[in-house]
Amino acid sequence: MEHFFQCPYCWEEISMILDESVPNQTYIEDCEVCCNPIEVLVNFEDGELSYFDAISIEQ
């Protein structure tokens, strides 16, 4: 599923494709606009997105 959110660095709206087959996920992905690393926290319950957070990584 595609999920839209604001980058915690540049505040641009970006999107990521989320894998609904893995209930709990934590990973790092770069912003497609400013290229800074974003820690992504995702949880699915019964195939529905129940939690999403995009956190800046202290450098």
C-alpha atoms as a PDB file:
ATOM      1  CA  MET A   1       0.000   0.000   0.000  1.00  0.00           C
ATOM      2  CA  GLU A   2       1.182   3.537  -0.699  1.00  0.00           C
ATOM      3  CA  HIS A   3       1.355   5.850   2.328  1.00  0.00           C
ATOM      4  CA  PHE A   4       1.846   9.639   2.144  1.00  0.00           C
ATOM      5  CA  PHE A   5       3.504  11.637   4.940  1.00  0.00           C
ATOM      6  CA  GLN A   6       5.752  14.647   5.580  1.00  0.00           C
ATOM      7  CA  CYS A   7       9.516  14.237   5.670  1.00  0.00           C
ATOM      8  CA  PRO A   8      10.795  15.128   9.167  1.00  0.00           C
ATOM      9  CA  TYR A   9      13.685  17.072   7.584  1.00  0.00           C
ATOM     10  CA  CYS A  10      12.396  19.045   4.593  1.00  0.00           C
ATOM     11  CA  TRP A  11       8.625  18.835   5.374  1.00  0.00           C
ATOM     12  CA  GLU A  12       7.798  17.878   1.785  1.00  0.00           C
ATOM     13  CA  GLU A  13       5.022  15.362   1.286  1.00  0.00           C
ATOM     14  CA  ILE A  14       6.508  12.063   0.151  1.00  0.00           C
ATOM     15  CA  SER A  15       5.195   8.526  -0.162  1.00  0.00           C
ATOM     16  CA  MET A  16       6.470   5.054   0.580  1.00  0.00           C
ATOM     17  CA  ILE A  17       5.181   1.654  -0.396  1.00  0.00           C
ATOM     18  CA  LEU A  18       4.443  -0.328   2.764  1.00  0.00           C
ATOM     19  CA  ASP A  19       4.453  -4.142   2.889  1.00  0.00           C
ATOM     20  CA  GLU A  20       1.254  -5.265   4.609  1.00  0.00           C
ATOM     21  CA  SER A  21       2.476  -8.876   4.895  1.00  0.00           C
ATOM     22  CA  VAL A  22       4.877  -8.001   7.757  1.00  0.00           C
ATOM     23  CA  PRO A  23       2.911  -6.857  10.853  1.00  0.00           C
ATOM     24  CA  ASN A  24       5.708  -4.987  12.678  1.00  0.00           C
ATOM     25  CA  GLN A  25       8.458  -3.180  10.783  1.00  0.00           C
ATOM     26  CA  THR A  26      11.310  -0.808  11.570  1.00  0.00           C
ATOM     27  CA  TYR A  27      13.682   0.275   8.830  1.00  0.00           C
ATOM     28  CA  ILE A  28      15.606   3.224   7.409  1.00  0.00           C
ATOM     29  CA  GLU A  29      14.759   4.790   4.069  1.00  0.00           C
ATOM     30  CA  ASP A  30      16.051   7.994   2.488  1.00  0.00           C
ATOM     31  CA  CYS A  31      13.713  10.872   1.682  1.00  0.00           C
ATOM     32  CA  GLU A  32      13.130  11.033  -2.076  1.00  0.00           C
ATOM     33  CA  VAL A  33      13.388  14.849  -1.962  1.00  0.00           C
ATOM     34  CA  CYS A  34      16.229  15.753   0.428  1.00  0.00           C
ATOM     35  CA  CYS A  35      17.935  12.312   0.681  1.00  0.00           C
ATOM     36  CA  ASN A  36      18.173  12.378   4.500  1.00  0.00           C
ATOM     37  CA  PRO A  37      17.679   9.045   6.327  1.00  0.00           C
ATOM     38  CA  ILE A  38      14.269   8.491   7.915  1.00  0.00           C
ATOM     39  CA  GLU A  39      13.560   5.803  10.503  1.00  0.00           C
ATOM     40  CA  VAL A  40      10.210   4.289   9.587  1.00  0.00           C
ATOM     41  CA  LEU A  41       8.081   2.473  12.189  1.00  0.00           C
ATOM     42  CA  VAL A  42       5.052   0.587  10.862  1.00  0.00           C
ATOM     43  CA  ASN A  43       2.466  -1.728  12.410  1.00  0.00           C
ATOM     44  CA  PHE A  44      -0.398  -3.542  10.720  1.00  0.00           C
ATOM     45  CA  GLU A  45      -3.355  -5.197  12.469  1.00  0.00           C
ATOM     46  CA  ASP A  46      -5.620  -7.478  10.450  1.00  0.00           C
ATOM     47  CA  GLY A  47      -4.114  -6.115   7.219  1.00  0.00           C
ATOM     48  CA  GLU A  48      -4.867  -2.498   8.170  1.00  0.00           C
ATOM     49  CA  LEU A  49      -2.266   0.147   9.000  1.00  0.00           C
ATOM     50  CA  SER A  50      -2.548   0.722  12.757  1.00  0.00           C
ATOM     51  CA  TYR A  51       0.603   2.786  13.376  1.00  0.00           C
ATOM     52  CA  PHE A  52       3.027   4.795  11.260  1.00  0.00           C
ATOM     53  CA  ASP A  53       5.827   7.127  12.307  1.00  0.00           C
ATOM     54  CA  ALA A  54       8.676   8.699  10.362  1.00  0.00           C
ATOM     55  CA  ILE A  55      11.498   9.937  12.590  1.00  0.00           C
ATOM     56  CA  SER A  56      14.585  11.975  11.784  1.00  0.00           C
ATOM     57  CA  ILE A  57      17.844  10.237  12.665  1.00  0.00           C
ATOM     58  CA  GLU A  58      20.257  12.312  14.728  1.00  0.00           C
ATOM     59  CA  GLN A  59      23.446  12.852  12.782  1.00  0.00           C
END
